[in-house]
C-alpha atoms as a PDB file:
ATOM      1  CA  UNK A   1      56.562 -53.106 -14.329  1.00  0.00           C
ATOM      2  CA  UNK A   2      56.311 -52.930 -10.558  1.00  0.00           C
ATOM      3  CA  UNK A   3      55.021 -49.606  -9.210  1.00  0.00           C
ATOM      4  CA  UNK A   4      56.660 -48.672  -5.982  1.00  0.00           C
ATOM      5  CA  UNK A   5      54.640 -46.665  -3.473  1.00  0.00           C
ATOM      6  CA  UNK A   6      57.119 -44.487  -1.662  1.00  0.00           C
ATOM      7  CA  UNK A   7      56.815 -43.165   1.868  1.00  0.00           C
ATOM      8  CA  UNK A   8      56.586 -39.591   0.509  1.00  0.00           C
ATOM      9  CA  UNK A   9      53.689 -40.505  -1.805  1.00  0.00           C
ATOM     10  CA  UNK A  10      51.846 -42.174   1.047  1.00  0.00           C
ATOM     11  CA  UNK A  11      52.398 -39.072   3.184  1.00  0.00           C
ATOM     12  CA  UNK A  12      51.089 -36.704   0.476  1.00  0.00           C
ATOM     13  CA  UNK A  13      48.072 -38.915  -0.175  1.00  0.00           C
ATOM     14  CA  UNK A  14      47.271 -39.076   3.530  1.00  0.00           C
ATOM     15  CA  UNK A  15      47.782 -35.330   3.871  1.00  0.00           C
ATOM     16  CA  UNK A  16      45.445 -34.553   0.959  1.00  0.00           C
ATOM     17  CA  UNK A  17      42.806 -36.948   2.263  1.00  0.00           C
ATOM     18  CA  UNK A  18      42.861 -35.490   5.752  1.00  0.00           C
ATOM     19  CA  UNK A  19      42.989 -31.875   4.454  1.00  0.00           C
ATOM     20  CA  UNK A  20      39.973 -32.544   2.223  1.00  0.00           C
ATOM     21  CA  UNK A  21      38.166 -34.075   5.175  1.00  0.00           C
ATOM     22  CA  UNK A  22      38.864 -31.022   7.317  1.00  0.00           C
ATOM     23  CA  UNK A  23      37.693 -28.732   4.498  1.00  0.00           C
ATOM     24  CA  UNK A  24      34.445 -30.650   3.987  1.00  0.00           C
ATOM     25  CA  UNK A  25      33.917 -30.723   7.730  1.00  0.00           C
ATOM     26  CA  UNK A  26      34.384 -26.946   7.961  1.00  0.00           C
ATOM     27  CA  UNK A  27      31.985 -26.340   5.036  1.00  0.00           C
ATOM     28  CA  UNK A  28      29.346 -28.550   6.624  1.00  0.00           C
ATOM     29  CA  UNK A  29      29.776 -26.798   9.971  1.00  0.00           C
ATOM     30  CA  UNK A  30      29.401 -23.428   8.204  1.00  0.00           C
ATOM     31  CA  UNK A  31      26.202 -24.620   6.517  1.00  0.00           C
ATOM     32  CA  UNK A  32      24.808 -25.714   9.876  1.00  0.00           C
ATOM     33  CA  UNK A  33      25.666 -22.342  11.436  1.00  0.00           C
ATOM     34  CA  UNK A  34      24.157 -20.432   8.472  1.00  0.00           C
ATOM     35  CA  UNK A  35      21.137 -22.700   8.143  1.00  0.00           C
ATOM     36  CA  UNK A  36      21.498 -22.828   4.355  1.00  0.00           C
ATOM     37  CA  UNK A  37      22.747 -25.644   2.207  1.00  0.00           C
ATOM     38  CA  UNK A  38      23.171 -23.337  -0.796  1.00  0.00           C
ATOM     39  CA  UNK A  39      24.812 -20.038   0.146  1.00  0.00           C
ATOM     40  CA  UNK A  40      26.914 -19.422  -2.971  1.00  0.00           C
ATOM     41  CA  UNK A  41      26.650 -20.480  -6.635  1.00  0.00           C
ATOM     42  CA  UNK A  42      29.494 -22.966  -6.351  1.00  0.00           C
ATOM     43  CA  UNK A  43      27.519 -24.998  -3.796  1.00  0.00           C
ATOM     44  CA  UNK A  44      24.902 -25.911  -6.426  1.00  0.00           C
ATOM     45  CA  UNK A  45      24.653 -23.682  -9.547  1.00  0.00           C
ATOM     46  CA  UNK A  46      21.121 -24.800 -10.453  1.00  0.00           C
ATOM     47  CA  UNK A  47      19.681 -24.356  -6.976  1.00  0.00           C
ATOM     48  CA  UNK A  48      21.596 -21.108  -6.476  1.00  0.00           C
ATOM     49  CA  UNK A  49      20.094 -19.668  -9.676  1.00  0.00           C
ATOM     50  CA  UNK A  50      16.616 -20.730  -8.586  1.00  0.00           C
ATOM     51  CA  UNK A  51      17.159 -19.174  -5.157  1.00  0.00           C
ATOM     52  CA  UNK A  52      18.268 -15.916  -6.801  1.00  0.00           C
ATOM     53  CA  UNK A  53      15.095 -15.823  -8.938  1.00  0.00           C
ATOM     54  CA  UNK A  54      12.934 -16.511  -5.910  1.00  0.00           C
ATOM     55  CA  UNK A  55      14.628 -13.753  -3.891  1.00  0.00           C
ATOM     56  CA  UNK A  56      14.013 -11.240  -6.700  1.00  0.00           C
ATOM     57  CA  UNK A  57      10.420 -12.430  -6.951  1.00  0.00           C
ATOM     58  CA  UNK A  58       9.916 -11.980  -3.203  1.00  0.00           C
ATOM     59  CA  UNK A  59      11.468  -8.511  -3.314  1.00  0.00           C
ATOM     60  CA  UNK A  60       9.139  -7.380  -6.112  1.00  0.00           C
ATOM     61  CA  UNK A  61       6.132  -8.914  -4.415  1.00  0.00           C
ATOM     62  CA  UNK A  62       6.962  -7.105  -1.167  1.00  0.00           C
ATOM     63  CA  UNK A  63       6.890  -3.801  -3.082  1.00  0.00           C
ATOM     64  CA  UNK A  64       3.511  -4.700  -4.597  1.00  0.00           C
ATOM     65  CA  UNK A  65       2.161  -5.524  -1.124  1.00  0.00           C
ATOM     66  CA  UNK A  66       3.394  -2.172   0.169  1.00  0.00           C
ATOM     67  CA  UNK A  67       1.843  -0.356  -2.812  1.00  0.00           C
ATOM     68  CA  UNK A  68      -1.454  -2.183  -2.351  1.00  0.00           C
ATOM     69  CA  UNK A  69      -1.477  -1.208   1.314  1.00  0.00           C
ATOM     70  CA  UNK A  70      -1.058   2.441   0.361  1.00  0.00           C
ATOM     71  CA  UNK A  71      -3.757   2.068  -2.287  1.00  0.00           C
ATOM     72  CA  UNK A  72      -6.180   0.567   0.232  1.00  0.00           C
ATOM     73  CA  UNK A  73      -5.526   3.415   2.668  1.00  0.00           C
ATOM     74  CA  UNK A  74      -6.154   5.981  -0.067  1.00  0.00           C
ATOM     75  CA  UNK A  75      -9.301   4.207  -1.236  1.00  0.00           C
ATOM     76  CA  UNK A  76     -10.560   4.042   2.340  1.00  0.00           C
ATOM     77  CA  UNK A  77      -9.807   7.723   2.928  1.00  0.00           C
ATOM     78  CA  UNK A  78     -11.516   8.681  -0.336  1.00  0.00           C
ATOM     79  CA  UNK A  79     -14.571   6.515   0.301  1.00  0.00           C
ATOM     80  CA  UNK A  80     -15.001   7.694   3.891  1.00  0.00           C
ATOM     81  CA  UNK A  81     -14.632  11.335   2.864  1.00  0.00           C
ATOM     82  CA  UNK A  82     -17.129  11.102   0.010  1.00  0.00           C
ATOM     83  CA  UNK A  83     -19.593   9.169   2.162  1.00  0.00           C
ATOM     84  CA  UNK A  84     -19.477  12.008   4.682  1.00  0.00           C
ATOM     85  CA  UNK A  85     -20.028  14.463   1.819  1.00  0.00           C
ATOM     86  CA  UNK A  86     -23.146  12.525   0.839  1.00  0.00           C
ATOM     87  CA  UNK A  87     -24.399  12.484   4.433  1.00  0.00           C
ATOM     88  CA  UNK A  88     -23.822  16.220   4.779  1.00  0.00           C
ATOM     89  CA  UNK A  89     -25.628  16.943   1.529  1.00  0.00           C
ATOM     90  CA  UNK A  90     -28.650  14.970   2.725  1.00  0.00           C
ATOM     91  CA  UNK A  91     -28.685  17.119   5.858  1.00  0.00           C
ATOM     92  CA  UNK A  92     -28.383  20.280   3.766  1.00  0.00           C
ATOM     93  CA  UNK A  93     -31.298  19.193   1.605  1.00  0.00           C
ATOM     94  CA  UNK A  94     -33.438  18.601   4.670  1.00  0.00           C
ATOM     95  CA  UNK A  95     -32.488  22.024   6.020  1.00  0.00           C
ATOM     96  CA  UNK A  96     -33.290  23.665   2.696  1.00  0.00           C
ATOM     97  CA  UNK A  97     -36.700  21.971   2.464  1.00  0.00           C
ATOM     98  CA  UNK A  98     -37.479  23.034   6.010  1.00  0.00           C
ATOM     99  CA  UNK A  99     -36.581  26.609   5.106  1.00  0.00           C
ATOM    100  CA  UNK A 100     -38.739  26.432   1.957  1.00  0.00           C
ATOM    101  CA  UNK A 101     -41.846  25.218   3.758  1.00  0.00           C
ATOM    102  CA  UNK A 102     -44.234  27.808   5.147  1.00  0.00           C
ATOM    103  CA  UNK A 103     -43.456  31.312   6.207  1.00  0.00           C
ATOM    104  CA  UNK A 104     -40.233  31.767   8.131  1.00  0.00           C
ATOM    105  CA  UNK A 105     -39.476  34.579  10.511  1.00  0.00           C
ATOM    106  CA  UNK A 106     -36.150  36.348  10.152  1.00  0.00           C
ATOM    107  CA  UNK A 107     -34.540  34.464  13.038  1.00  0.00           C
ATOM    108  CA  UNK A 108     -35.484  31.106  11.514  1.00  0.00           C
ATOM    109  CA  UNK A 109     -34.022  32.025   8.146  1.00  0.00           C
ATOM    110  CA  UNK A 110     -30.798  33.173   9.779  1.00  0.00           C
ATOM    111  CA  UNK A 111     -30.600  29.881  11.682  1.00  0.00           C
ATOM    112  CA  UNK A 112     -31.169  27.804   8.520  1.00  0.00           C
ATOM    113  CA  UNK A 113     -28.542  29.842   6.672  1.00  0.00           C
ATOM    114  CA  UNK A 114     -26.089  29.297   9.531  1.00  0.00           C
ATOM    115  CA  UNK A 115     -26.625  25.522   9.381  1.00  0.00           C
ATOM    116  CA  UNK A 116     -25.897  25.497   5.659  1.00  0.00           C
ATOM    117  CA  UNK A 117     -22.837  27.699   6.213  1.00  0.00           C
ATOM    118  CA  UNK A 118     -21.502  25.227   8.793  1.00  0.00           C
ATOM    119  CA  UNK A 119     -22.034  22.361   6.340  1.00  0.00           C
ATOM    120  CA  UNK A 120     -20.259  24.407   3.664  1.00  0.00           C
ATOM    121  CA  UNK A 121     -17.226  24.872   5.898  1.00  0.00           C
ATOM    122  CA  UNK A 122     -17.119  21.181   6.785  1.00  0.00           C
ATOM    123  CA  UNK A 123     -17.404  20.126   3.145  1.00  0.00           C
ATOM    124  CA  UNK A 124     -14.634  22.537   2.203  1.00  0.00           C
ATOM    125  CA  UNK A 125     -12.423  20.873   4.845  1.00  0.00           C
ATOM    126  CA  UNK A 126     -13.300  17.397   3.536  1.00  0.00           C
ATOM    127  CA  UNK A 127     -12.475  18.452  -0.026  1.00  0.00           C
ATOM    128  CA  UNK A 128      -8.952  19.319   1.173  1.00  0.00           C
ATOM    129  CA  UNK A 129      -8.487  16.018   3.035  1.00  0.00           C
ATOM    130  CA  UNK A 130      -4.903  14.800   3.074  1.00  0.00           C
ATOM    131  CA  UNK A 131      -3.439  11.330   3.334  1.00  0.00           C
ATOM    132  CA  UNK A 132       0.239  11.079   4.233  1.00  0.00           C
ATOM    133  CA  UNK A 133       0.600  14.837   3.610  1.00  0.00           C
ATOM    134  CA  UNK A 134      -0.830  14.454   0.093  1.00  0.00           C
ATOM    135  CA  UNK A 135      -4.228  15.913  -0.933  1.00  0.00           C
ATOM    136  CA  UNK A 136      -6.652  13.084  -1.638  1.00  0.00           C
ATOM    137  CA  UNK A 137      -8.732  14.996  -4.207  1.00  0.00           C
ATOM    138  CA  UNK A 138      -6.039  17.122  -5.854  1.00  0.00           C
ATOM    139  CA  UNK A 139      -5.285  14.832  -8.781  1.00  0.00           C
ATOM    140  CA  UNK A 140      -1.569  14.848  -9.487  1.00  0.00           C
ATOM    141  CA  UNK A 141      -1.164  18.399  -8.096  1.00  0.00           C
ATOM    142  CA  UNK A 142       0.144  17.603  -4.629  1.00  0.00           C
ATOM    143  CA  UNK A 143       1.982  20.744  -3.524  1.00  0.00           C
ATOM    144  CA  UNK A 144      -1.050  22.718  -2.353  1.00  0.00           C
ATOM    145  CA  UNK A 145      -4.632  22.278  -1.206  1.00  0.00           C
ATOM    146  CA  UNK A 146      -6.800  21.507  -4.227  1.00  0.00           C
ATOM    147  CA  UNK A 147      -9.583  23.897  -3.166  1.00  0.00           C
ATOM    148  CA  UNK A 148      -9.125  27.518  -2.174  1.00  0.00           C
ATOM    149  CA  UNK A 149     -11.851  29.824  -0.847  1.00  0.00           C
ATOM    150  CA  UNK A 150     -12.622  33.499  -1.189  1.00  0.00           C
ATOM    151  CA  UNK A 151     -14.206  34.959   1.945  1.00  0.00           C
ATOM    152  CA  UNK A 152     -16.124  38.098   2.839  1.00  0.00           C
ATOM    153  CA  UNK A 153     -15.389  40.513   5.658  1.00  0.00           C
ATOM    154  CA  UNK A 154     -17.184  38.244   8.102  1.00  0.00           C
ATOM    155  CA  UNK A 155     -15.034  35.271   7.098  1.00  0.00           C
ATOM    156  CA  UNK A 156     -17.805  33.415   5.252  1.00  0.00           C
ATOM    157  CA  UNK A 157     -16.978  31.563   2.052  1.00  0.00           C
ATOM    158  CA  UNK A 158     -18.184  33.449  -1.031  1.00  0.00           C
ATOM    159  CA  UNK A 159     -16.652  31.252  -3.741  1.00  0.00           C
ATOM    160  CA  UNK A 160     -14.377  28.213  -4.101  1.00  0.00           C
ATOM    161  CA  UNK A 161     -11.861  27.474  -6.857  1.00  0.00           C
ATOM    162  CA  UNK A 162     -10.248  24.182  -7.779  1.00  0.00           C
ATOM    163  CA  UNK A 163      -6.460  24.272  -8.203  1.00  0.00           C
ATOM    164  CA  UNK A 164      -5.927  20.567  -8.740  1.00  0.00           C
ATOM    165  CA  UNK A 165      -6.359  18.626 -11.981  1.00  0.00           C
ATOM    166  CA  UNK A 166      -8.381  15.720 -13.280  1.00  0.00           C
ATOM    167  CA  UNK A 167      -5.498  13.243 -13.463  1.00  0.00           C
ATOM    168  CA  UNK A 168      -5.075  10.659 -10.707  1.00  0.00           C
ATOM    169  CA  UNK A 169      -1.672   9.029 -10.309  1.00  0.00           C
ATOM    170  CA  UNK A 170      -1.997   5.235 -10.569  1.00  0.00           C
ATOM    171  CA  UNK A 171      -0.271   2.888  -8.133  1.00  0.00           C
ATOM    172  CA  UNK A 172       1.608  -0.141  -9.493  1.00  0.00           C
ATOM    173  CA  UNK A 173       0.213  -3.231  -7.757  1.00  0.00           C
ATOM    174  CA  UNK A 174       1.386  -5.939 -10.154  1.00  0.00           C
ATOM    175  CA  UNK A 175       3.627  -6.480 -13.193  1.00  0.00           C
ATOM    176  CA  UNK A 176       0.957  -5.060 -15.515  1.00  0.00           C
ATOM    177  CA  UNK A 177      -1.675  -3.933 -13.033  1.00  0.00           C
ATOM    178  CA  UNK A 178      -2.305  -0.383 -11.829  1.00  0.00           C
ATOM    179  CA  UNK A 179      -4.728   0.899  -9.228  1.00  0.00           C
ATOM    180  CA  UNK A 180      -6.577   4.226  -9.381  1.00  0.00           C
ATOM    181  CA  UNK A 181      -6.971   4.901  -5.637  1.00  0.00           C
ATOM    182  CA  UNK A 182      -9.241   7.954  -5.637  1.00  0.00           C
ATOM    183  CA  UNK A 183     -11.104  10.457  -7.814  1.00  0.00           C
ATOM    184  CA  UNK A 184     -10.142  14.011  -8.594  1.00  0.00           C
ATOM    185  CA  UNK A 185     -11.875  16.908  -6.911  1.00  0.00           C
ATOM    186  CA  UNK A 186     -13.071  18.073 -10.306  1.00  0.00           C
ATOM    187  CA  UNK A 187     -14.959  14.799 -10.696  1.00  0.00           C
ATOM    188  CA  UNK A 188     -16.224  14.526  -7.128  1.00  0.00           C
ATOM    189  CA  UNK A 189     -17.382  18.069  -6.338  1.00  0.00           C
ATOM    190  CA  UNK A 190     -18.480  19.580  -9.660  1.00  0.00           C
ATOM    191  CA  UNK A 191     -22.027  20.067 -10.882  1.00  0.00           C
ATOM    192  CA  UNK A 192     -22.319  17.568 -13.788  1.00  0.00           C
ATOM    193  CA  UNK A 193     -24.711  19.851 -15.712  1.00  0.00           C
ATOM    194  CA  UNK A 194     -22.711  22.996 -15.049  1.00  0.00           C
ATOM    195  CA  UNK A 195     -25.474  25.098 -13.454  1.00  0.00           C
ATOM    196  CA  UNK A 196     -22.903  25.961 -10.796  1.00  0.00           C
ATOM    197  CA  UNK A 197     -19.124  25.715 -10.950  1.00  0.00           C
ATOM    198  CA  UNK A 198     -19.015  23.243  -8.076  1.00  0.00           C
ATOM    199  CA  UNK A 199     -20.731  21.995  -4.949  1.00  0.00           C
ATOM    200  CA  UNK A 200     -19.502  24.913  -2.878  1.00  0.00           C
ATOM    201  CA  UNK A 201     -20.919  27.604  -5.141  1.00  0.00           C
ATOM    202  CA  UNK A 202     -24.228  25.736  -4.999  1.00  0.00           C
ATOM    203  CA  UNK A 203     -24.209  25.861  -1.210  1.00  0.00           C
ATOM    204  CA  UNK A 204     -23.142  29.512  -1.210  1.00  0.00           C
ATOM    205  CA  UNK A 205     -26.131  30.329  -3.424  1.00  0.00           C
ATOM    206  CA  UNK A 206     -28.484  28.334  -1.222  1.00  0.00           C
ATOM    207  CA  UNK A 207     -27.175  29.920   1.965  1.00  0.00           C
ATOM    208  CA  UNK A 208     -27.314  33.416   0.571  1.00  0.00           C
ATOM    209  CA  UNK A 209     -30.876  32.994  -0.733  1.00  0.00           C
ATOM    210  CA  UNK A 210     -32.102  31.858   2.673  1.00  0.00           C
ATOM    211  CA  UNK A 211     -30.122  34.575   4.457  1.00  0.00           C
ATOM    212  CA  UNK A 212     -31.280  37.354   2.089  1.00  0.00           C
ATOM    213  CA  UNK A 213     -34.173  38.409   4.257  1.00  0.00           C
ATOM    214  CA  UNK A 214     -34.417  41.862   2.668  1.00  0.00           C
ATOM    215  CA  UNK A 215     -33.940  40.773  -0.942  1.00  0.00           C
ATOM    216  CA  UNK A 216     -36.083  37.623  -1.161  1.00  0.00           C
ATOM    217  CA  UNK A 217     -39.514  37.715   0.393  1.00  0.00           C
ATOM    218  CA  UNK A 218     -40.732  34.722   2.382  1.00  0.00           C
ATOM    219  CA  UNK A 219     -43.319  33.835  -0.255  1.00  0.00           C
ATOM    220  CA  UNK A 220     -40.581  33.682  -2.909  1.00  0.00           C
ATOM    221  CA  UNK A 221     -38.012  31.801  -0.827  1.00  0.00           C
ATOM    222  CA  UNK A 222     -39.436  28.375  -1.613  1.00  0.00           C
ATOM    223  CA  UNK A 223     -39.111  28.956  -5.364  1.00  0.00           C
ATOM    224  CA  UNK A 224     -35.529  30.184  -4.965  1.00  0.00           C
ATOM    225  CA  UNK A 225     -34.563  27.129  -2.916  1.00  0.00           C
ATOM    226  CA  UNK A 226     -36.286  24.691  -5.272  1.00  0.00           C
ATOM    227  CA  UNK A 227     -34.382  26.228  -8.170  1.00  0.00           C
ATOM    228  CA  UNK A 228     -31.095  25.301  -6.490  1.00  0.00           C
ATOM    229  CA  UNK A 229     -31.967  21.822  -5.221  1.00  0.00           C
ATOM    230  CA  UNK A 230     -31.671  20.017  -8.603  1.00  0.00           C
ATOM    231  CA  UNK A 231     -27.983  20.988  -8.792  1.00  0.00           C
ATOM    232  CA  UNK A 232     -27.519  19.764  -5.232  1.00  0.00           C
ATOM    233  CA  UNK A 233     -29.202  16.469  -6.132  1.00  0.00           C
ATOM    234  CA  UNK A 234     -27.023  16.025  -9.224  1.00  0.00           C
ATOM    235  CA  UNK A 235     -23.856  16.572  -7.231  1.00  0.00           C
ATOM    236  CA  UNK A 236     -24.980  14.175  -4.501  1.00  0.00           C
ATOM    237  CA  UNK A 237     -25.753  11.583  -7.169  1.00  0.00           C
ATOM    238  CA  UNK A 238     -22.278  12.065  -8.625  1.00  0.00           C
ATOM    239  CA  UNK A 239     -20.715  11.687  -5.156  1.00  0.00           C
ATOM    240  CA  UNK A 240     -22.673   8.498  -4.463  1.00  0.00           C
ATOM    241  CA  UNK A 241     -21.609   7.101  -7.826  1.00  0.00           C
ATOM    242  CA  UNK A 242     -17.974   7.758  -6.922  1.00  0.00           C
ATOM    243  CA  UNK A 243     -18.500   6.128  -3.509  1.00  0.00           C
ATOM    244  CA  UNK A 244     -19.887   3.032  -5.222  1.00  0.00           C
ATOM    245  CA  UNK A 245     -16.997   2.774  -7.662  1.00  0.00           C
ATOM    246  CA  UNK A 246     -14.349   3.313  -5.002  1.00  0.00           C
ATOM    247  CA  UNK A 247     -16.066   0.887  -2.633  1.00  0.00           C
ATOM    248  CA  UNK A 248     -16.068  -1.851  -5.270  1.00  0.00           C
ATOM    249  CA  UNK A 249     -12.449  -1.081  -6.082  1.00  0.00           C
ATOM    250  CA  UNK A 250     -11.599  -1.276  -2.385  1.00  0.00           C
ATOM    251  CA  UNK A 251     -13.045  -4.781  -2.111  1.00  0.00           C
ATOM    252  CA  UNK A 252     -11.109  -5.934  -5.185  1.00  0.00           C
ATOM    253  CA  UNK A 253      -7.885  -4.418  -3.867  1.00  0.00           C
ATOM    254  CA  UNK A 254      -8.258  -6.123  -0.494  1.00  0.00           C
ATOM    255  CA  UNK A 255      -8.663  -9.445  -2.337  1.00  0.00           C
ATOM    256  CA  UNK A 256      -5.549  -8.625  -4.357  1.00  0.00           C
ATOM    257  CA  UNK A 257      -3.616  -7.996  -1.134  1.00  0.00           C
ATOM    258  CA  UNK A 258      -4.687 -11.400   0.192  1.00  0.00           C
ATOM    259  CA  UNK A 259      -3.491 -13.037  -3.035  1.00  0.00           C
ATOM    260  CA  UNK A 260      -0.151 -11.222  -2.886  1.00  0.00           C
ATOM    261  CA  UNK A 261       0.344 -12.301   0.713  1.00  0.00           C
ATOM    262  CA  UNK A 262      -0.436 -15.917  -0.193  1.00  0.00           C
ATOM    263  CA  UNK A 263       2.026 -15.726  -3.072  1.00  0.00           C
ATOM    264  CA  UNK A 264       4.638 -14.280  -0.707  1.00  0.00           C
ATOM    265  CA  UNK A 265       4.188 -17.248   1.627  1.00  0.00           C
ATOM    266  CA  UNK A 266       4.459 -19.671  -1.304  1.00  0.00           C
ATOM    267  CA  UNK A 267       7.630 -17.985  -2.599  1.00  0.00           C
ATOM    268  CA  UNK A 268       9.301 -17.987   0.801  1.00  0.00           C
ATOM    269  CA  UNK A 269       8.474 -21.663   1.263  1.00  0.00           C
ATOM    270  CA  UNK A 270       9.920 -22.429  -2.169  1.00  0.00           C
ATOM    271  CA  UNK A 271      13.063 -20.461  -1.289  1.00  0.00           C
ATOM    272  CA  UNK A 272      13.403 -22.357   1.969  1.00  0.00           C
ATOM    273  CA  UNK A 273      13.018 -25.682   0.161  1.00  0.00           C
ATOM    274  CA  UNK A 274      15.633 -24.593  -2.374  1.00  0.00           C
ATOM    275  CA  UNK A 275      18.438 -23.399  -0.139  1.00  0.00           C
ATOM    276  CA  UNK A 276      17.731 -24.306   3.477  1.00  0.00           C
ATOM    277  CA  UNK A 277      19.625 -27.091   5.166  1.00  0.00           C
ATOM    278  CA  UNK A 278      18.078 -30.194   6.700  1.00  0.00           C
ATOM    279  CA  UNK A 279      19.690 -29.612  10.094  1.00  0.00           C
ATOM    280  CA  UNK A 280      19.080 -33.099  11.476  1.00  0.00           C
ATOM    281  CA  UNK A 281      20.570 -34.764   8.422  1.00  0.00           C
ATOM    282  CA  UNK A 282      23.459 -32.295   8.394  1.00  0.00           C
ATOM    283  CA  UNK A 283      24.339 -32.987  12.036  1.00  0.00           C
ATOM    284  CA  UNK A 284      24.343 -36.727  11.313  1.00  0.00           C
ATOM    285  CA  UNK A 285      26.627 -36.118   8.325  1.00  0.00           C
ATOM    286  CA  UNK A 286      28.874 -33.977  10.507  1.00  0.00           C
ATOM    287  CA  UNK A 287      29.204 -36.764  13.051  1.00  0.00           C
ATOM    288  CA  UNK A 288      29.886 -39.313  10.292  1.00  0.00           C
ATOM    289  CA  UNK A 289      32.548 -37.112   8.737  1.00  0.00           C
ATOM    290  CA  UNK A 290      34.193 -36.498  12.087  1.00  0.00           C
ATOM    291  CA  UNK A 291      34.324 -40.253  12.665  1.00  0.00           C
ATOM    292  CA  UNK A 292      35.662 -40.876   9.153  1.00  0.00           C
ATOM    293  CA  UNK A 293      38.290 -38.194   9.589  1.00  0.00           C
ATOM    294  CA  UNK A 294      39.433 -39.639  12.894  1.00  0.00           C
ATOM    295  CA  UNK A 295      39.591 -43.109  11.333  1.00  0.00           C
ATOM    296  CA  UNK A 296      41.546 -41.823   8.327  1.00  0.00           C
ATOM    297  CA  UNK A 297      44.009 -40.052  10.592  1.00  0.00           C
ATOM    298  CA  UNK A 298      44.468 -43.130  12.741  1.00  0.00           C
ATOM    299  CA  UNK A 299      45.066 -45.363   9.699  1.00  0.00           C
ATOM    300  CA  UNK A 300      47.480 -42.848   8.202  1.00  0.00           C
ATOM    301  CA  UNK A 301      49.352 -42.707  11.489  1.00  0.00           C
ATOM    302  CA  UNK A 302      49.739 -46.477  11.555  1.00  0.00           C
ATOM    303  CA  UNK A 303      50.854 -46.673   7.921  1.00  0.00           C
ATOM    304  CA  UNK A 304      53.321 -43.813   8.116  1.00  0.00           C
ATOM    305  CA  UNK A 305      54.327 -44.465  11.717  1.00  0.00           C
ATOM    306  CA  UNK A 306      54.689 -40.762  12.406  1.00  0.00           C
ATOM    307  CA  UNK A 307      53.504 -38.500  15.193  1.00  0.00           C
ATOM    308  CA  UNK A 308      53.249 -35.451  12.950  1.00  0.00           C
ATOM    309  CA  UNK A 309      49.670 -36.390  12.035  1.00  0.00           C
ATOM    310  CA  UNK A 310      48.584 -35.801  15.600  1.00  0.00           C
ATOM    311  CA  UNK A 311      48.877 -32.105  14.828  1.00  0.00           C
ATOM    312  CA  UNK A 312      45.916 -32.391  12.424  1.00  0.00           C
ATOM    313  CA  UNK A 313      43.589 -34.132  14.919  1.00  0.00           C
END
């Protein structure tokens, strides 16, 4: 049976061919403008799914990097603060030993007591250090300063209370990894053996003993000071231990940040390889398709002998 190819069938075939060519040309031009070969699932379901997984992975990793950055800042603030506490306590110890040696006149004792009082005030300020409006040593109690002071009529600290808690909120820095970025004030500033409630009460006792010119004779001052120094030494040892732990944790966290950044670079490269367009190859394909479309239109025009096709060119 002879199959007759009608003029209408030839026209529809030519129309579909040219329309498909225009559509493919437009899609390729859109890909070139967007810079991506895979911009929707229909372009390539497998690659689109992989690109979606990589984007989610990058998003999560960015959050981990941000969290690690905050953790490093908190660790640095904690370490710097506690290191200054240790330095101040060494100065206080030297002042106390100087006051305990020999016979001191009243003016000298007052001067030594004033030095210790200044150190007490500075340490109280350090204990209430804030990072990003949050107390560093308050535990999970973040709405108020962790340490509060009672003062006498002259404005000198007479006692200090801790209003924070011992819990430290962890920071999520990986799928199953959490960072403890500081220590609580209860851990950092308390007397481990409990002779005094905390560092500040120790310093208040030391200051008051040296300043009590009428109550403690010069010959007894050395014994009074030496009775307080062991508590001061224990607290300084506890502070230095915390500095060591936080310092080691800081180094590990900085290494973790480097690893996360490397993984971010790897993921972005993989995403680019998955969905990005080879621009040079795409431009060549665009030129080839333009040429093919022009050729198809010219052939269709000759076969159908119609000027209507010129509208599509």
